[in-house]
Amino acid sequence: MLARELVSHSVEDTLRIGREFGAGLGPGDVVALVGDLGAGKTHFVKGVAAAQGVDPADVSSPTFTIAHLYRGRLPIHHLDCYRLEDERELMRTGAHEVFGEEGIVLIEWPQRIEALLPEHTILVDIRHEGPNERRIRILEADDHA
């Protein structure tokens, strides 16, 4: 596994880091975003979406709908599993079928569906380091480097 660690000092930094990361994503990539409430997961997703040509203002957390689709250079499937009890709930919605498609899949609260995550899922762990600072750790398989 390859690991990178970055520090964000603002929402704008988190968007920039997400944009830089998102520029390197390709068809079929699955990204699991881990972090407490308010850590910046959705801001990171906004940056990834911007890298794919989506207006960040169009990106919001799909907490109540479970999934959003954004149409950019590649389709972006944004899942939020916070309200799910387990993998079976996601399977009942059919949202798990986006794994292996030609788009990018970004998952907030992936620990709720861990058994469904593909083997080469990229992990992005975002932690509070202070009122405005976030530590962003990216762990990816060697073949994603």
N, C-alpha and C. Protein backbone atom coordinates (compact mmCIF):
# COMPACT_ATOMS: atom_id res chain seq x y z
N MET A 1 0.84 -1.19 0.00
CA MET A 1 0.00 0.00 0.00
C MET A 1 0.88 1.25 0.00
N LEU A 2 0.49 2.22 -0.77
CA LEU A 2 1.15 3.50 -0.79
C LEU A 2 0.35 4.47 0.09
N ALA A 3 1.03 5.28 0.87
CA ALA A 3 0.34 6.22 1.75
C ALA A 3 0.86 7.63 1.53
N ARG A 4 -0.07 8.57 1.55
CA ARG A 4 0.27 9.99 1.51
C ARG A 4 -0.46 10.65 2.66
N GLU A 5 0.17 11.62 3.27
CA GLU A 5 -0.46 12.36 4.35
C GLU A 5 -0.34 13.85 4.07
N LEU A 6 -1.48 14.54 4.13
CA LEU A 6 -1.51 15.97 3.84
C LEU A 6 -2.24 16.68 4.96
N VAL A 7 -1.99 17.96 5.12
CA VAL A 7 -2.69 18.75 6.12
C VAL A 7 -3.43 19.87 5.41
N SER A 8 -4.71 19.99 5.73
CA SER A 8 -5.54 21.06 5.20
C SER A 8 -5.72 22.10 6.31
N HIS A 9 -5.57 23.36 5.94
CA HIS A 9 -5.72 24.44 6.91
C HIS A 9 -7.03 25.20 6.73
N SER A 10 -7.85 24.77 5.73
CA SER A 10 -9.10 25.47 5.46
C SER A 10 -9.97 24.62 4.53
N VAL A 11 -11.21 25.03 4.39
CA VAL A 11 -12.11 24.38 3.44
C VAL A 11 -11.51 24.46 2.04
N GLU A 12 -10.94 25.60 1.69
CA GLU A 12 -10.34 25.77 0.37
C GLU A 12 -9.20 24.78 0.16
N ASP A 13 -8.39 24.55 1.19
CA ASP A 13 -7.31 23.55 1.10
C ASP A 13 -7.88 22.16 0.85
N THR A 14 -8.94 21.82 1.58
CA THR A 14 -9.56 20.50 1.43
C THR A 14 -10.09 20.33 0.01
N LEU A 15 -10.73 21.37 -0.53
CA LEU A 15 -11.21 21.33 -1.92
C LEU A 15 -10.04 21.14 -2.89
N ARG A 16 -8.95 21.86 -2.68
CA ARG A 16 -7.77 21.76 -3.55
C ARG A 16 -7.18 20.35 -3.49
N ILE A 17 -7.04 19.81 -2.28
CA ILE A 17 -6.48 18.46 -2.12
C ILE A 17 -7.39 17.45 -2.82
N GLY A 18 -8.70 17.60 -2.66
CA GLY A 18 -9.65 16.71 -3.34
C GLY A 18 -9.54 16.83 -4.84
N ARG A 19 -9.37 18.06 -5.34
CA ARG A 19 -9.25 18.30 -6.78
C ARG A 19 -7.98 17.62 -7.33
N GLU A 20 -6.86 17.80 -6.62
CA GLU A 20 -5.60 17.18 -7.06
C GLU A 20 -5.70 15.66 -7.05
N PHE A 21 -6.30 15.12 -5.99
CA PHE A 21 -6.50 13.68 -5.89
C PHE A 21 -7.43 13.19 -7.00
N GLY A 22 -8.53 13.90 -7.20
CA GLY A 22 -9.53 13.52 -8.19
C GLY A 22 -9.02 13.53 -9.61
N ALA A 23 -8.03 14.37 -9.90
CA ALA A 23 -7.45 14.43 -11.24
C ALA A 23 -6.77 13.11 -11.61
N GLY A 24 -6.36 12.34 -10.62
CA GLY A 24 -5.68 11.08 -10.87
C GLY A 24 -6.59 9.86 -10.87
N LEU A 25 -7.88 10.05 -10.63
CA LEU A 25 -8.81 8.92 -10.60
C LEU A 25 -9.25 8.53 -11.99
N GLY A 26 -9.59 7.26 -12.16
CA GLY A 26 -10.02 6.78 -13.45
C GLY A 26 -11.23 5.87 -13.34
N PRO A 27 -11.69 5.37 -14.46
CA PRO A 27 -12.87 4.50 -14.49
C PRO A 27 -12.71 3.30 -13.56
N GLY A 28 -13.74 3.06 -12.77
CA GLY A 28 -13.74 1.92 -11.86
C GLY A 28 -13.13 2.17 -10.50
N ASP A 29 -12.53 3.34 -10.28
CA ASP A 29 -11.93 3.62 -8.97
C ASP A 29 -13.02 3.79 -7.91
N VAL A 30 -12.77 3.19 -6.76
CA VAL A 30 -13.68 3.28 -5.61
C VAL A 30 -12.88 3.90 -4.48
N VAL A 31 -13.45 4.96 -3.86
CA VAL A 31 -12.79 5.69 -2.79
C VAL A 31 -13.68 5.66 -1.56
N ALA A 32 -13.13 5.15 -0.45
CA ALA A 32 -13.83 5.10 0.82
C ALA A 32 -13.35 6.27 1.68
N LEU A 33 -14.27 7.15 2.06
CA LEU A 33 -13.94 8.34 2.85
C LEU A 33 -14.36 8.13 4.30
N VAL A 34 -13.36 8.12 5.19
CA VAL A 34 -13.59 7.88 6.61
C VAL A 34 -13.29 9.16 7.38
N GLY A 35 -14.12 9.45 8.38
CA GLY A 35 -13.89 10.62 9.22
C GLY A 35 -15.14 10.94 10.02
N ASP A 36 -14.95 11.64 11.11
CA ASP A 36 -16.08 12.02 11.95
C ASP A 36 -17.00 12.98 11.22
N LEU A 37 -18.19 13.21 11.79
CA LEU A 37 -19.09 14.23 11.27
C LEU A 37 -18.36 15.56 11.24
N GLY A 38 -18.48 16.27 10.13
CA GLY A 38 -17.85 17.58 10.02
C GLY A 38 -16.36 17.56 9.73
N ALA A 39 -15.81 16.39 9.43
CA ALA A 39 -14.37 16.30 9.17
C ALA A 39 -13.99 16.91 7.82
N GLY A 40 -14.91 16.94 6.88
CA GLY A 40 -14.60 17.50 5.56
C GLY A 40 -14.74 16.52 4.42
N LYS A 41 -15.40 15.39 4.65
CA LYS A 41 -15.54 14.38 3.61
C LYS A 41 -16.27 14.94 2.38
N THR A 42 -17.37 15.64 2.60
CA THR A 42 -18.13 16.17 1.46
C THR A 42 -17.36 17.27 0.75
N HIS A 43 -16.59 18.08 1.47
CA HIS A 43 -15.76 19.09 0.80
C HIS A 43 -14.70 18.42 -0.06
N PHE A 44 -14.14 17.33 0.43
CA PHE A 44 -13.17 16.57 -0.36
C PHE A 44 -13.84 16.05 -1.64
N VAL A 45 -15.08 15.53 -1.52
CA VAL A 45 -15.82 15.04 -2.67
C VAL A 45 -16.07 16.18 -3.66
N LYS A 46 -16.37 17.37 -3.16
CA LYS A 46 -16.56 18.53 -4.04
C LYS A 46 -15.31 18.79 -4.87
N GLY A 47 -14.14 18.64 -4.25
CA GLY A 47 -12.88 18.82 -4.97
C GLY A 47 -12.68 17.76 -6.03
N VAL A 48 -12.98 16.49 -5.69
CA VAL A 48 -12.87 15.41 -6.67
C VAL A 48 -13.80 15.68 -7.85
N ALA A 49 -15.03 16.09 -7.54
CA ALA A 49 -16.01 16.38 -8.58
C ALA A 49 -15.52 17.51 -9.50
N ALA A 50 -14.93 18.55 -8.90
CA ALA A 50 -14.41 19.66 -9.68
C ALA A 50 -13.34 19.19 -10.66
N ALA A 51 -12.50 18.25 -10.22
CA ALA A 51 -11.45 17.72 -11.10
C ALA A 51 -12.04 16.99 -12.29
N GLN A 52 -13.27 16.51 -12.15
CA GLN A 52 -13.94 15.79 -13.23
C GLN A 52 -14.91 16.67 -14.01
N GLY A 53 -14.86 18.00 -13.75
CA GLY A 53 -15.67 18.93 -14.51
C GLY A 53 -17.06 19.20 -13.95
N VAL A 54 -17.30 18.81 -12.71
CA VAL A 54 -18.59 19.05 -12.06
C VAL A 54 -18.48 20.31 -11.20
N ASP A 55 -19.48 21.15 -11.23
CA ASP A 55 -19.51 22.35 -10.39
C ASP A 55 -19.62 21.91 -8.93
N PRO A 56 -18.66 22.28 -8.07
CA PRO A 56 -18.71 21.88 -6.67
C PRO A 56 -20.00 22.30 -5.97
N ALA A 57 -20.64 23.37 -6.44
CA ALA A 57 -21.90 23.83 -5.84
C ALA A 57 -23.02 22.82 -6.06
N ASP A 58 -22.87 21.93 -7.03
CA ASP A 58 -23.88 20.91 -7.31
C ASP A 58 -23.72 19.68 -6.42
N VAL A 59 -22.65 19.62 -5.64
CA VAL A 59 -22.36 18.45 -4.81
C VAL A 59 -22.87 18.67 -3.39
N SER A 60 -23.63 17.69 -2.91
CA SER A 60 -24.10 17.72 -1.52
C SER A 60 -24.08 16.30 -0.98
N SER A 61 -24.11 16.19 0.32
CA SER A 61 -24.08 14.87 0.94
C SER A 61 -25.41 14.16 0.72
N PRO A 62 -25.37 12.93 0.21
CA PRO A 62 -26.60 12.19 -0.04
C PRO A 62 -27.09 11.41 1.18
N THR A 63 -26.99 12.01 2.37
CA THR A 63 -27.33 11.31 3.61
C THR A 63 -28.74 10.72 3.56
N PHE A 64 -29.70 11.45 3.07
CA PHE A 64 -31.08 10.97 3.10
C PHE A 64 -31.50 10.22 1.85
N THR A 65 -30.74 10.34 0.77
CA THR A 65 -31.08 9.63 -0.46
C THR A 65 -30.13 8.46 -0.71
N ILE A 66 -29.08 8.36 0.03
CA ILE A 66 -28.02 7.35 -0.04
C ILE A 66 -27.08 7.56 -1.22
N ALA A 67 -27.59 7.95 -2.40
CA ALA A 67 -26.71 8.07 -3.57
C ALA A 67 -27.06 9.28 -4.43
N HIS A 68 -26.02 9.94 -4.92
CA HIS A 68 -26.15 10.99 -5.93
C HIS A 68 -25.27 10.61 -7.11
N LEU A 69 -25.69 11.01 -8.29
CA LEU A 69 -24.88 10.82 -9.49
C LEU A 69 -24.57 12.19 -10.05
N TYR A 70 -23.28 12.45 -10.30
CA TYR A 70 -22.84 13.69 -10.91
C TYR A 70 -22.24 13.34 -12.27
N ARG A 71 -22.63 14.09 -13.27
CA ARG A 71 -22.14 13.83 -14.62
C ARG A 71 -20.99 14.77 -14.96
N GLY A 72 -19.79 14.22 -14.98
CA GLY A 72 -18.59 14.96 -15.36
C GLY A 72 -17.92 14.23 -16.50
N ARG A 73 -16.60 14.41 -16.63
CA ARG A 73 -15.87 13.65 -17.66
C ARG A 73 -16.10 12.16 -17.46
N LEU A 74 -16.11 11.74 -16.20
CA LEU A 74 -16.52 10.40 -15.82
C LEU A 74 -17.72 10.55 -14.88
N PRO A 75 -18.67 9.61 -14.90
CA PRO A 75 -19.75 9.68 -13.94
C PRO A 75 -19.19 9.50 -12.52
N ILE A 76 -19.72 10.26 -11.59
CA ILE A 76 -19.31 10.15 -10.19
C ILE A 76 -20.51 9.70 -9.38
N HIS A 77 -20.37 8.54 -8.74
CA HIS A 77 -21.41 8.01 -7.86
C HIS A 77 -20.98 8.34 -6.43
N HIS A 78 -21.77 9.14 -5.76
CA HIS A 78 -21.46 9.60 -4.40
C HIS A 78 -22.45 8.93 -3.45
N LEU A 79 -21.95 8.02 -2.63
CA LEU A 79 -22.79 7.29 -1.68
C LEU A 79 -22.51 7.77 -0.26
N ASP A 80 -23.56 7.84 0.53
CA ASP A 80 -23.43 8.15 1.96
C ASP A 80 -24.15 7.05 2.72
N CYS A 81 -23.40 6.23 3.43
CA CYS A 81 -23.94 5.06 4.11
C CYS A 81 -24.22 5.30 5.59
N TYR A 82 -24.19 6.55 6.02
CA TYR A 82 -24.36 6.89 7.43
C TYR A 82 -25.64 6.30 8.03
N ARG A 83 -26.73 6.36 7.31
CA ARG A 83 -28.02 5.92 7.83
C ARG A 83 -28.27 4.43 7.68
N LEU A 84 -27.36 3.71 7.04
CA LEU A 84 -27.55 2.28 6.82
C LEU A 84 -27.15 1.47 8.05
N GLU A 85 -27.88 0.41 8.28
CA GLU A 85 -27.55 -0.52 9.37
C GLU A 85 -26.39 -1.44 8.96
N ASP A 86 -26.46 -1.93 7.71
CA ASP A 86 -25.46 -2.89 7.24
C ASP A 86 -25.50 -2.98 5.72
N GLU A 87 -24.70 -3.91 5.18
CA GLU A 87 -24.58 -4.09 3.74
C GLU A 87 -25.89 -4.45 3.08
N ARG A 88 -26.73 -5.24 3.78
CA ARG A 88 -27.99 -5.69 3.19
C ARG A 88 -28.88 -4.51 2.78
N GLU A 89 -28.85 -3.45 3.59
CA GLU A 89 -29.67 -2.27 3.26
C GLU A 89 -29.22 -1.64 1.95
N LEU A 90 -27.91 -1.54 1.74
CA LEU A 90 -27.42 -0.97 0.48
C LEU A 90 -27.80 -1.88 -0.68
N MET A 91 -27.71 -3.17 -0.48
CA MET A 91 -28.05 -4.10 -1.55
C MET A 91 -29.53 -3.98 -1.92
N ARG A 92 -30.39 -3.73 -0.94
CA ARG A 92 -31.82 -3.57 -1.24
C ARG A 92 -32.07 -2.33 -2.11
N THR A 93 -31.22 -1.31 -1.99
CA THR A 93 -31.41 -0.10 -2.80
C THR A 93 -30.87 -0.29 -4.22
N GLY A 94 -29.97 -1.25 -4.41
CA GLY A 94 -29.34 -1.46 -5.71
C GLY A 94 -28.13 -0.58 -5.94
N ALA A 95 -27.82 0.31 -4.98
CA ALA A 95 -26.71 1.25 -5.15
C ALA A 95 -25.36 0.55 -5.24
N HIS A 96 -25.25 -0.65 -4.72
CA HIS A 96 -23.97 -1.39 -4.77
C HIS A 96 -23.60 -1.77 -6.20
N GLU A 97 -24.55 -1.72 -7.11
CA GLU A 97 -24.29 -2.11 -8.49
C GLU A 97 -23.36 -1.14 -9.22
N VAL A 98 -23.07 0.02 -8.63
CA VAL A 98 -22.15 0.97 -9.27
C VAL A 98 -20.70 0.51 -9.17
N PHE A 99 -20.39 -0.41 -8.25
CA PHE A 99 -19.02 -0.93 -8.16
C PHE A 99 -18.71 -1.67 -9.44
N GLY A 100 -17.56 -1.36 -10.03
CA GLY A 100 -17.15 -2.03 -11.26
C GLY A 100 -17.64 -1.35 -12.52
N GLU A 101 -18.43 -0.28 -12.39
CA GLU A 101 -18.86 0.46 -13.57
C GLU A 101 -17.72 1.36 -14.05
N GLU A 102 -17.96 2.09 -15.10
CA GLU A 102 -16.93 2.93 -15.71
C GLU A 102 -16.71 4.27 -15.01
N GLY A 103 -17.49 4.56 -13.98
CA GLY A 103 -17.34 5.83 -13.29
C GLY A 103 -16.47 5.70 -12.06
N ILE A 104 -16.50 6.76 -11.26
CA ILE A 104 -15.79 6.83 -9.99
C ILE A 104 -16.84 6.70 -8.89
N VAL A 105 -16.53 5.93 -7.85
CA VAL A 105 -17.45 5.77 -6.72
C VAL A 105 -16.77 6.35 -5.48
N LEU A 106 -17.46 7.29 -4.83
CA LEU A 106 -16.98 7.92 -3.60
C LEU A 106 -17.97 7.57 -2.50
N ILE A 107 -17.48 6.98 -1.40
CA ILE A 107 -18.37 6.48 -0.35
C ILE A 107 -18.04 7.12 0.98
N GLU A 108 -19.02 7.84 1.54
CA GLU A 108 -18.89 8.35 2.90
C GLU A 108 -19.46 7.29 3.84
N TRP A 109 -18.85 7.12 4.99
CA TRP A 109 -19.24 6.11 6.00
C TRP A 109 -19.16 4.69 5.43
N PRO A 110 -18.03 4.33 4.79
CA PRO A 110 -17.91 3.01 4.16
C PRO A 110 -17.85 1.87 5.16
N GLN A 111 -17.55 2.15 6.42
CA GLN A 111 -17.46 1.08 7.41
C GLN A 111 -18.80 0.36 7.58
N ARG A 112 -19.90 0.97 7.17
CA ARG A 112 -21.23 0.35 7.27
C ARG A 112 -21.43 -0.71 6.18
N ILE A 113 -20.62 -0.67 5.12
CA ILE A 113 -20.77 -1.63 4.00
C ILE A 113 -19.43 -2.29 3.67
N GLU A 114 -18.58 -2.40 4.65
CA GLU A 114 -17.21 -2.86 4.43
C GLU A 114 -17.11 -4.16 3.63
N ALA A 115 -18.00 -5.10 3.86
CA ALA A 115 -17.93 -6.39 3.16
C ALA A 115 -18.19 -6.26 1.66
N LEU A 116 -18.80 -5.16 1.23
CA LEU A 116 -19.10 -4.97 -0.19
C LEU A 116 -18.00 -4.23 -0.95
N LEU A 117 -17.05 -3.65 -0.23
CA LEU A 117 -16.03 -2.83 -0.89
C LEU A 117 -15.09 -3.68 -1.74
N PRO A 118 -14.82 -3.23 -2.96
CA PRO A 118 -13.88 -3.96 -3.82
C PRO A 118 -12.48 -4.02 -3.19
N GLU A 119 -11.72 -5.00 -3.62
CA GLU A 119 -10.37 -5.24 -3.07
C GLU A 119 -9.46 -4.03 -3.17
N HIS A 120 -9.52 -3.31 -4.27
CA HIS A 120 -8.59 -2.19 -4.49
C HIS A 120 -9.21 -0.83 -4.15
N THR A 121 -10.06 -0.82 -3.14
CA THR A 121 -10.66 0.44 -2.70
C THR A 121 -9.58 1.35 -2.12
N ILE A 122 -9.60 2.60 -2.50
CA ILE A 122 -8.67 3.62 -1.98
C ILE A 122 -9.29 4.18 -0.71
N LEU A 123 -8.52 4.27 0.35
CA LEU A 123 -9.01 4.81 1.62
C LEU A 123 -8.51 6.23 1.81
N VAL A 124 -9.45 7.15 2.10
CA VAL A 124 -9.12 8.52 2.44
C VAL A 124 -9.65 8.76 3.85
N ASP A 125 -8.75 8.97 4.79
CA ASP A 125 -9.09 9.15 6.20
C ASP A 125 -8.86 10.63 6.55
N ILE A 126 -9.93 11.32 6.95
CA ILE A 126 -9.85 12.75 7.25
C ILE A 126 -10.12 12.94 8.75
N ARG A 127 -9.18 13.55 9.43
CA ARG A 127 -9.28 13.73 10.89
C ARG A 127 -9.14 15.20 11.27
N HIS A 128 -9.90 15.60 12.28
CA HIS A 128 -9.76 16.96 12.85
C HIS A 128 -8.40 17.07 13.53
N GLU A 129 -7.69 18.16 13.28
CA GLU A 129 -6.43 18.43 13.95
C GLU A 129 -6.51 19.74 14.73
N GLY A 130 -7.60 20.44 14.60
CA GLY A 130 -7.81 21.73 15.23
C GLY A 130 -9.07 22.34 14.64
N PRO A 131 -9.39 23.56 15.03
CA PRO A 131 -10.63 24.16 14.53
C PRO A 131 -10.73 24.20 13.01
N ASN A 132 -9.63 24.48 12.33
CA ASN A 132 -9.65 24.57 10.87
C ASN A 132 -8.76 23.54 10.19
N GLU A 133 -7.93 22.86 10.94
CA GLU A 133 -6.97 21.92 10.34
C GLU A 133 -7.54 20.51 10.28
N ARG A 134 -7.21 19.84 9.16
CA ARG A 134 -7.58 18.44 8.96
C ARG A 134 -6.34 17.70 8.47
N ARG A 135 -6.16 16.50 8.98
CA ARG A 135 -5.10 15.61 8.48
C ARG A 135 -5.78 14.65 7.52
N ILE A 136 -5.31 14.62 6.29
CA ILE A 136 -5.89 13.78 5.25
C ILE A 136 -4.87 12.72 4.88
N ARG A 137 -5.22 11.47 5.14
CA ARG A 137 -4.32 10.36 4.85
C ARG A 137 -4.94 9.52 3.73
N ILE A 138 -4.19 9.32 2.69
CA ILE A 138 -4.67 8.57 1.53
C ILE A 138 -3.86 7.28 1.44
N LEU A 139 -4.57 6.15 1.47
CA LEU A 139 -3.94 4.83 1.35
C LEU A 139 -4.49 4.18 0.09
N GLU A 140 -3.60 3.84 -0.81
CA GLU A 140 -4.04 3.22 -2.05
C GLU A 140 -3.15 2.06 -2.42
N ALA A 141 -3.73 1.14 -3.18
CA ALA A 141 -2.98 -0.01 -3.67
C ALA A 141 -1.88 0.48 -4.60
N ASP A 142 -0.78 -0.27 -4.68
CA ASP A 142 0.35 0.11 -5.51
C ASP A 142 -0.02 0.36 -6.96
N ASP A 143 -1.01 -0.38 -7.48
CA ASP A 143 -1.35 -0.22 -8.89
C ASP A 143 -2.17 1.03 -9.15
N HIS A 144 -2.52 1.80 -8.14
CA HIS A 144 -3.21 3.07 -8.32
C HIS A 144 -2.22 4.23 -8.30
N ALA A 145 -0.99 3.96 -8.02
CA ALA A 145 -0.01 5.04 -7.85
C ALA A 145 0.31 5.74 -9.15
